[in-house]
Amino acid sequence: MPCCASRTSRPSTRTTIDNSTRTARLVTRKRAMRFIVRVTLRARRTPALIGVNAAPAAESSVEASTSMRDRMYKHILLPTDGSSFAAKGIREGVRLAKALGAKVTGVYVAPPFVPPVYSEAGIRYSGPFSAAEYKQVTEKIAKKALGPIERAARAAGVRCRTRLVTDPQPWRGILRAAGDGRCDAIVIGSHGRGAVGGLILGSETSRVLAHSKLPVLVVR
């Protein structure tokens, strides 16, 4: 009786590619999670990171951890006022974006122009600038403050864009920029300095943490 040779099935090229892609994604995810764990552990050992709103307030810690693993942040907002405190937030934000393969958006929030007020005697009480002058000065300050974000992102190979937002409440301008840009995380410095058109990180950071529906990492 003739003997039937057994057939050995060979994996298809598509299966091999799918497996390679799946493996690459798992490696990337593991690397990103290791980065997040290192940042979190360092925050526990030192005062470098003083606040992590890992998820919206209504989300439990277990849900937040699962969400972090599943979502893999793709777009991180980096607010700045040009201060050294903001610079620390920029460094951590760009590092996180690089680890996750995410892009970043730098944002500078300036208060709106306030027209000058004159007394009946013609004395000018407020506003050393005209609207055009104020716009020019604000854009110059914003460009200087946002420059470090562009340079850090370029050096790290991270996609980056920057924008100037006008709002009387810096925290609200930050959240508006996050919403407009469809960001899924915010990395922000803990304090800053006041300046013409500048935002003060500190009390504003607290408001961002309180009102944000996105994960917020605060760096000191």
C-alpha atoms as a PDB file:
ATOM      1  CA  MET A   1       0.000   0.000   0.000  1.00  0.00           C
ATOM      2  CA  PRO A   2       1.496   3.376  -0.997  1.00  0.00           C
ATOM      3  CA  CYS A   3       2.667   5.547   1.832  1.00  0.00           C
ATOM      4  CA  CYS A   4       1.351   9.102   1.955  1.00  0.00           C
ATOM      5  CA  ALA A   5       3.991  11.660   2.835  1.00  0.00           C
ATOM      6  CA  SER A   6       2.909  14.116   5.505  1.00  0.00           C
ATOM      7  CA  ARG A   7       2.708  17.738   4.477  1.00  0.00           C
ATOM      8  CA  THR A   8       4.394  20.355   6.599  1.00  0.00           C
ATOM      9  CA  SER A   9       2.604  23.688   6.545  1.00  0.00           C
ATOM     10  CA  ARG A  10       4.802  26.726   6.082  1.00  0.00           C
ATOM     11  CA  PRO A  11       3.991  30.078   7.672  1.00  0.00           C
ATOM     12  CA  SER A  12       2.832  32.562   5.098  1.00  0.00           C
ATOM     13  CA  THR A  13       4.718  35.780   4.449  1.00  0.00           C
ATOM     14  CA  ARG A  14       1.735  37.717   5.778  1.00  0.00           C
ATOM     15  CA  THR A  15       1.819  35.801   9.061  1.00  0.00           C
ATOM     16  CA  THR A  16       5.548  36.489   9.411  1.00  0.00           C
ATOM     17  CA  ILE A  17       5.035  40.210   8.793  1.00  0.00           C
ATOM     18  CA  ASP A  18       2.113  40.327  11.228  1.00  0.00           C
ATOM     19  CA  ASN A  19       4.196  38.604  13.903  1.00  0.00           C
ATOM     20  CA  SER A  20       7.119  40.973  13.314  1.00  0.00           C
ATOM     21  CA  THR A  21       4.835  43.999  13.529  1.00  0.00           C
ATOM     22  CA  ARG A  22       3.214  42.668  16.692  1.00  0.00           C
ATOM     23  CA  THR A  23       6.623  42.033  18.265  1.00  0.00           C
ATOM     24  CA  ALA A  24       7.845  45.535  17.363  1.00  0.00           C
ATOM     25  CA  ARG A  25       4.753  47.095  18.914  1.00  0.00           C
ATOM     26  CA  LEU A  26       5.188  45.070  22.100  1.00  0.00           C
ATOM     27  CA  VAL A  27       8.846  46.113  22.366  1.00  0.00           C
ATOM     28  CA  THR A  28       7.921  49.783  21.874  1.00  0.00           C
ATOM     29  CA  ARG A  29       5.147  49.534  24.449  1.00  0.00           C
ATOM     30  CA  LYS A  30       7.438  47.858  26.994  1.00  0.00           C
ATOM     31  CA  ARG A  31      10.100  50.523  26.512  1.00  0.00           C
ATOM     32  CA  ALA A  32       7.541  53.292  26.970  1.00  0.00           C
ATOM     33  CA  MET A  33       6.133  51.689  30.099  1.00  0.00           C
ATOM     34  CA  ARG A  34       9.645  51.277  31.532  1.00  0.00           C
ATOM     35  CA  PHE A  35      10.213  54.993  30.945  1.00  0.00           C
ATOM     36  CA  ILE A  36       6.966  55.904  32.712  1.00  0.00           C
ATOM     37  CA  VAL A  37       7.821  53.609  35.622  1.00  0.00           C
ATOM     38  CA  ARG A  38      11.287  55.184  35.940  1.00  0.00           C
ATOM     39  CA  VAL A  39       9.769  58.668  35.987  1.00  0.00           C
ATOM     40  CA  THR A  40       7.189  57.631  38.587  1.00  0.00           C
ATOM     41  CA  LEU A  41       9.769  55.936  40.826  1.00  0.00           C
ATOM     42  CA  ARG A  42      12.038  58.943  40.617  1.00  0.00           C
ATOM     43  CA  ALA A  43       9.134  61.140  41.684  1.00  0.00           C
ATOM     44  CA  ARG A  44       8.765  58.977  44.786  1.00  0.00           C
ATOM     45  CA  ARG A  45      12.463  59.180  45.660  1.00  0.00           C
ATOM     46  CA  THR A  46      13.010  62.876  44.943  1.00  0.00           C
ATOM     47  CA  PRO A  47      10.932  66.048  44.732  1.00  0.00           C
ATOM     48  CA  ALA A  48      11.651  66.316  40.980  1.00  0.00           C
ATOM     49  CA  LEU A  49       8.088  65.487  39.985  1.00  0.00           C
ATOM     50  CA  ILE A  50       5.633  66.898  42.484  1.00  0.00           C
ATOM     51  CA  GLY A  51       2.333  66.072  40.838  1.00  0.00           C
ATOM     52  CA  VAL A  52       1.061  63.402  38.517  1.00  0.00           C
ATOM     53  CA  ASN A  53      -2.553  63.457  37.494  1.00  0.00           C
ATOM     54  CA  ALA A  54      -2.264  60.131  35.666  1.00  0.00           C
ATOM     55  CA  ALA A  55      -5.894  60.222  34.599  1.00  0.00           C
ATOM     56  CA  PRO A  56      -9.090  62.226  35.140  1.00  0.00           C
ATOM     57  CA  ALA A  57     -10.126  62.427  38.788  1.00  0.00           C
ATOM     58  CA  ALA A  58     -13.066  60.079  38.327  1.00  0.00           C
ATOM     59  CA  GLU A  59     -10.819  57.282  37.076  1.00  0.00           C
ATOM     60  CA  SER A  60      -9.503  54.748  39.592  1.00  0.00           C
ATOM     61  CA  SER A  61      -5.781  53.933  39.861  1.00  0.00           C
ATOM     62  CA  VAL A  62      -6.348  50.499  38.295  1.00  0.00           C
ATOM     63  CA  GLU A  63      -8.316  52.040  35.432  1.00  0.00           C
ATOM     64  CA  ALA A  64      -5.641  54.728  35.009  1.00  0.00           C
ATOM     65  CA  SER A  65      -2.870  52.108  34.762  1.00  0.00           C
ATOM     66  CA  THR A  66      -4.838  50.070  32.239  1.00  0.00           C
ATOM     67  CA  SER A  67      -5.695  53.207  30.286  1.00  0.00           C
ATOM     68  CA  MET A  68      -2.037  54.267  30.217  1.00  0.00           C
ATOM     69  CA  ARG A  69      -0.974  50.910  28.797  1.00  0.00           C
ATOM     70  CA  ASP A  70      -3.725  50.831  26.215  1.00  0.00           C
ATOM     71  CA  ARG A  71      -3.701  54.421  25.007  1.00  0.00           C
ATOM     72  CA  MET A  72       0.003  55.130  24.471  1.00  0.00           C
ATOM     73  CA  TYR A  73      -0.058  58.933  24.344  1.00  0.00           C
ATOM     74  CA  LYS A  74       0.370  60.318  20.850  1.00  0.00           C
ATOM     75  CA  HIS A  75       0.265  64.089  21.365  1.00  0.00           C
ATOM     76  CA  ILE A  76       1.728  65.880  24.401  1.00  0.00           C
ATOM     77  CA  LEU A  77       1.159  69.558  25.221  1.00  0.00           C
ATOM     78  CA  LEU A  78       4.124  71.482  26.674  1.00  0.00           C
ATOM     79  CA  PRO A  79       3.121  74.870  28.181  1.00  0.00           C
ATOM     80  CA  THR A  80       5.936  77.350  28.788  1.00  0.00           C
ATOM     81  CA  ASP A  81       6.608  80.880  29.979  1.00  0.00           C
ATOM     82  CA  GLY A  82      10.304  80.779  29.156  1.00  0.00           C
ATOM     83  CA  SER A  83      11.430  80.221  32.752  1.00  0.00           C
ATOM     84  CA  SER A  84      13.918  77.635  34.053  1.00  0.00           C
ATOM     85  CA  PHE A  85      11.038  75.781  35.723  1.00  0.00           C
ATOM     86  CA  ALA A  86       9.246  75.513  32.392  1.00  0.00           C
ATOM     87  CA  ALA A  87      12.502  74.298  30.804  1.00  0.00           C
ATOM     88  CA  LYS A  88      12.545  71.298  33.140  1.00  0.00           C
ATOM     89  CA  GLY A  89       9.018  70.429  32.068  1.00  0.00           C
ATOM     90  CA  ILE A  90      10.077  70.728  28.445  1.00  0.00           C
ATOM     91  CA  ARG A  91      12.966  68.299  28.902  1.00  0.00           C
ATOM     92  CA  GLU A  92      10.788  65.673  30.576  1.00  0.00           C
ATOM     93  CA  GLY A  93       7.983  66.187  28.073  1.00  0.00           C
ATOM     94  CA  VAL A  94      10.250  65.718  25.061  1.00  0.00           C
ATOM     95  CA  ARG A  95      11.840  62.639  26.653  1.00  0.00           C
ATOM     96  CA  LEU A  96       8.412  61.125  27.241  1.00  0.00           C
ATOM     97  CA  ALA A  97       7.327  61.932  23.680  1.00  0.00           C
ATOM     98  CA  LYS A  98      10.467  60.302  22.282  1.00  0.00           C
ATOM     99  CA  ALA A  99       9.907  57.161  24.377  1.00  0.00           C
ATOM    100  CA  LEU A 100       6.300  56.915  23.217  1.00  0.00           C
ATOM    101  CA  GLY A 101       6.855  57.941  19.606  1.00  0.00           C
ATOM    102  CA  ALA A 102       4.510  60.889  20.224  1.00  0.00           C
ATOM    103  CA  LYS A 103       4.515  64.448  18.889  1.00  0.00           C
ATOM    104  CA  VAL A 104       4.521  67.622  20.998  1.00  0.00           C
ATOM    105  CA  THR A 105       2.908  71.030  20.844  1.00  0.00           C
ATOM    106  CA  GLY A 106       4.472  73.939  22.706  1.00  0.00           C
ATOM    107  CA  VAL A 107       2.104  76.641  23.909  1.00  0.00           C
ATOM    108  CA  TYR A 108       2.641  80.122  25.321  1.00  0.00           C
ATOM    109  CA  VAL A 109      -0.347  81.896  26.884  1.00  0.00           C
ATOM    110  CA  ALA A 110      -0.537  85.688  26.865  1.00  0.00           C
ATOM    111  CA  PRO A 111      -3.246  87.951  28.305  1.00  0.00           C
ATOM    112  CA  PRO A 112      -5.350  89.840  25.756  1.00  0.00           C
ATOM    113  CA  PHE A 113      -4.619  93.457  24.901  1.00  0.00           C
ATOM    114  CA  VAL A 114      -6.257  95.990  27.207  1.00  0.00           C
ATOM    115  CA  PRO A 115      -6.991  99.364  25.591  1.00  0.00           C
ATOM    116  CA  PRO A 116      -5.527 102.359  27.446  1.00  0.00           C
ATOM    117  CA  VAL A 117      -7.741 104.249  29.878  1.00  0.00           C
ATOM    118  CA  TYR A 118      -7.653 108.041  30.026  1.00  0.00           C
ATOM    119  CA  SER A 119      -8.869 110.411  32.700  1.00  0.00           C
ATOM    120  CA  GLU A 120     -10.939 113.492  31.914  1.00  0.00           C
ATOM    121  CA  ALA A 121      -7.700 115.458  31.994  1.00  0.00           C
ATOM    122  CA  GLY A 122      -6.247 113.210  29.313  1.00  0.00           C
ATOM    123  CA  ILE A 123      -3.900 111.341  31.633  1.00  0.00           C
ATOM    124  CA  ARG A 124      -3.193 107.828  30.440  1.00  0.00           C
ATOM    125  CA  TYR A 125      -3.671 105.307  33.260  1.00  0.00           C
ATOM    126  CA  SER A 126      -2.891 101.989  31.601  1.00  0.00           C
ATOM    127  CA  GLY A 127      -1.388 100.349  28.561  1.00  0.00           C
ATOM    128  CA  PRO A 128       2.084 101.506  27.426  1.00  0.00           C
ATOM    129  CA  PHE A 129       1.483  99.866  24.028  1.00  0.00           C
ATOM    130  CA  SER A 130      -0.941 100.242  21.171  1.00  0.00           C
ATOM    131  CA  ALA A 131      -2.729  97.081  20.016  1.00  0.00           C
ATOM    132  CA  ALA A 132      -0.221  96.602  17.183  1.00  0.00           C
ATOM    133  CA  GLU A 133       2.749  97.218  19.484  1.00  0.00           C
ATOM    134  CA  TYR A 134       1.379  94.839  22.096  1.00  0.00           C
ATOM    135  CA  LYS A 135       0.896  92.122  19.474  1.00  0.00           C
ATOM    136  CA  GLN A 136       4.457  92.592  18.236  1.00  0.00           C
ATOM    137  CA  VAL A 137       5.962  92.490  21.746  1.00  0.00           C
ATOM    138  CA  THR A 138       3.888  89.462  22.765  1.00  0.00           C
ATOM    139  CA  GLU A 139       4.828  87.501  19.643  1.00  0.00           C
ATOM    140  CA  LYS A 140       8.509  88.286  20.243  1.00  0.00           C
ATOM    141  CA  ILE A 141       8.334  87.061  23.859  1.00  0.00           C
ATOM    142  CA  ALA A 142       6.370  83.957  22.822  1.00  0.00           C
ATOM    143  CA  LYS A 143       8.876  83.104  20.086  1.00  0.00           C
ATOM    144  CA  LYS A 144      11.743  83.325  22.571  1.00  0.00           C
ATOM    145  CA  ALA A 145       9.892  81.175  25.129  1.00  0.00           C
ATOM    146  CA  LEU A 146       8.870  78.532  22.579  1.00  0.00           C
ATOM    147  CA  GLY A 147      12.320  78.287  20.986  1.00  0.00           C
ATOM    148  CA  PRO A 148      13.701  75.759  23.526  1.00  0.00           C
ATOM    149  CA  ILE A 149      10.789  73.404  22.806  1.00  0.00           C
ATOM    150  CA  GLU A 150      11.492  73.458  19.082  1.00  0.00           C
ATOM    151  CA  ARG A 151      15.220  72.896  19.627  1.00  0.00           C
ATOM    152  CA  ALA A 152      14.752  70.084  22.158  1.00  0.00           C
ATOM    153  CA  ALA A 153      12.232  68.328  19.919  1.00  0.00           C
ATOM    154  CA  ARG A 154      14.461  68.685  16.868  1.00  0.00           C
ATOM    155  CA  ALA A 155      17.442  67.237  18.741  1.00  0.00           C
ATOM    156  CA  ALA A 156      15.342  64.281  19.925  1.00  0.00           C
ATOM    157  CA  GLY A 157      13.746  63.661  16.535  1.00  0.00           C
ATOM    158  CA  VAL A 158      10.281  64.450  17.896  1.00  0.00           C
ATOM    159  CA  ARG A 159       7.631  66.120  15.743  1.00  0.00           C
ATOM    160  CA  CYS A 160       6.796  69.554  17.098  1.00  0.00           C
ATOM    161  CA  ARG A 161       4.641  72.598  16.507  1.00  0.00           C
ATOM    162  CA  THR A 162       4.198  75.735  18.613  1.00  0.00           C
ATOM    163  CA  ARG A 163       1.423  78.234  19.117  1.00  0.00           C
ATOM    164  CA  LEU A 164       0.593  81.449  20.936  1.00  0.00           C
ATOM    165  CA  VAL A 165      -2.754  81.527  22.743  1.00  0.00           C
ATOM    166  CA  THR A 166      -4.422  84.657  24.089  1.00  0.00           C
ATOM    167  CA  ASP A 167      -6.495  84.254  27.243  1.00  0.00           C
ATOM    168  CA  PRO A 168      -6.884  86.241  30.496  1.00  0.00           C
ATOM    169  CA  GLN A 169      -6.628  82.960  32.440  1.00  0.00           C
ATOM    170  CA  PRO A 170      -3.395  81.068  31.628  1.00  0.00           C
ATOM    171  CA  TRP A 171      -4.728  77.703  32.833  1.00  0.00           C
ATOM    172  CA  ARG A 172      -7.765  78.098  30.616  1.00  0.00           C
ATOM    173  CA  GLY A 173      -5.579  78.985  27.644  1.00  0.00           C
ATOM    174  CA  ILE A 174      -3.501  75.869  28.272  1.00  0.00           C
ATOM    175  CA  LEU A 175      -6.555  73.617  28.369  1.00  0.00           C
ATOM    176  CA  ARG A 176      -8.014  75.314  25.301  1.00  0.00           C
ATOM    177  CA  ALA A 177      -4.772  74.672  23.413  1.00  0.00           C
ATOM    178  CA  ALA A 178      -4.863  71.029  24.524  1.00  0.00           C
ATOM    179  CA  GLY A 179      -8.427  70.669  23.273  1.00  0.00           C
ATOM    180  CA  ASP A 180      -7.846  72.482  19.984  1.00  0.00           C
ATOM    181  CA  GLY A 181      -4.762  70.383  19.277  1.00  0.00           C
ATOM    182  CA  ARG A 182      -6.424  67.128  20.368  1.00  0.00           C
ATOM    183  CA  CYS A 183      -3.609  66.471  22.824  1.00  0.00           C
ATOM    184  CA  ASP A 184      -3.932  63.469  25.137  1.00  0.00           C
ATOM    185  CA  ALA A 185      -1.461  64.504  27.885  1.00  0.00           C
ATOM    186  CA  ILE A 186       0.077  67.648  29.395  1.00  0.00           C
ATOM    187  CA  VAL A 187       3.585  68.025  30.855  1.00  0.00           C
ATOM    188  CA  ILE A 188       4.057  71.288  32.748  1.00  0.00           C
ATOM    189  CA  GLY A 189       6.563  72.975  35.069  1.00  0.00           C
ATOM    190  CA  SER A 190       5.584  73.694  38.656  1.00  0.00           C
ATOM    191  CA  HIS A 191       6.423  77.398  38.859  1.00  0.00           C
ATOM    192  CA  GLY A 192       7.374  80.309  36.666  1.00  0.00           C
ATOM    193  CA  ARG A 193       7.737  84.056  36.571  1.00  0.00           C
ATOM    194  CA  GLY A 194       5.453  86.915  35.674  1.00  0.00           C
ATOM    195  CA  ALA A 195       6.252  88.976  32.596  1.00  0.00           C
ATOM    196  CA  VAL A 196       4.571  91.037  29.928  1.00  0.00           C
ATOM    197  CA  GLY A 197       2.395  88.443  28.244  1.00  0.00           C
ATOM    198  CA  GLY A 198       3.836  85.715  30.468  1.00  0.00           C
ATOM    199  CA  LEU A 199       1.995  83.106  32.477  1.00  0.00           C
ATOM    200  CA  ILE A 200       2.807  82.258  36.080  1.00  0.00           C
ATOM    201  CA  LEU A 201       3.117  78.530  36.592  1.00  0.00           C
ATOM    202  CA  GLY A 202       2.301  77.526  40.151  1.00  0.00           C
ATOM    203  CA  SER A 203      -1.209  78.581  40.981  1.00  0.00           C
ATOM    204  CA  GLU A 204      -1.960  78.144  37.279  1.00  0.00           C
ATOM    205  CA  THR A 205      -0.514  74.629  37.383  1.00  0.00           C
ATOM    206  CA  SER A 206      -2.847  73.813  40.256  1.00  0.00           C
ATOM    207  CA  ARG A 207      -5.792  75.012  38.194  1.00  0.00           C
ATOM    208  CA  VAL A 208      -4.664  72.947  35.211  1.00  0.00           C
ATOM    209  CA  LEU A 209      -4.551  69.881  37.476  1.00  0.00           C
ATOM    210  CA  ALA A 210      -7.968  70.690  38.918  1.00  0.00           C
ATOM    211  CA  HIS A 211      -9.746  71.323  35.622  1.00  0.00           C
ATOM    212  CA  SER A 212      -7.962  69.084  33.123  1.00  0.00           C
ATOM    213  CA  LYS A 213      -9.677  65.984  31.812  1.00  0.00           C
ATOM    214  CA  LEU A 214      -6.314  64.841  30.453  1.00  0.00           C
ATOM    215  CA  PRO A 215      -3.401  63.234  32.320  1.00  0.00           C
ATOM    216  CA  VAL A 216      -1.060  65.943  33.661  1.00  0.00           C
ATOM    217  CA  LEU A 217       2.596  65.478  34.660  1.00  0.00           C
ATOM    218  CA  VAL A 218       3.997  68.306  36.821  1.00  0.00           C
ATOM    219  CA  VAL A 219       7.786  68.694  36.868  1.00  0.00           C
ATOM    220  CA  ARG A 220       9.784  70.670  39.432  1.00  0.00           C
END
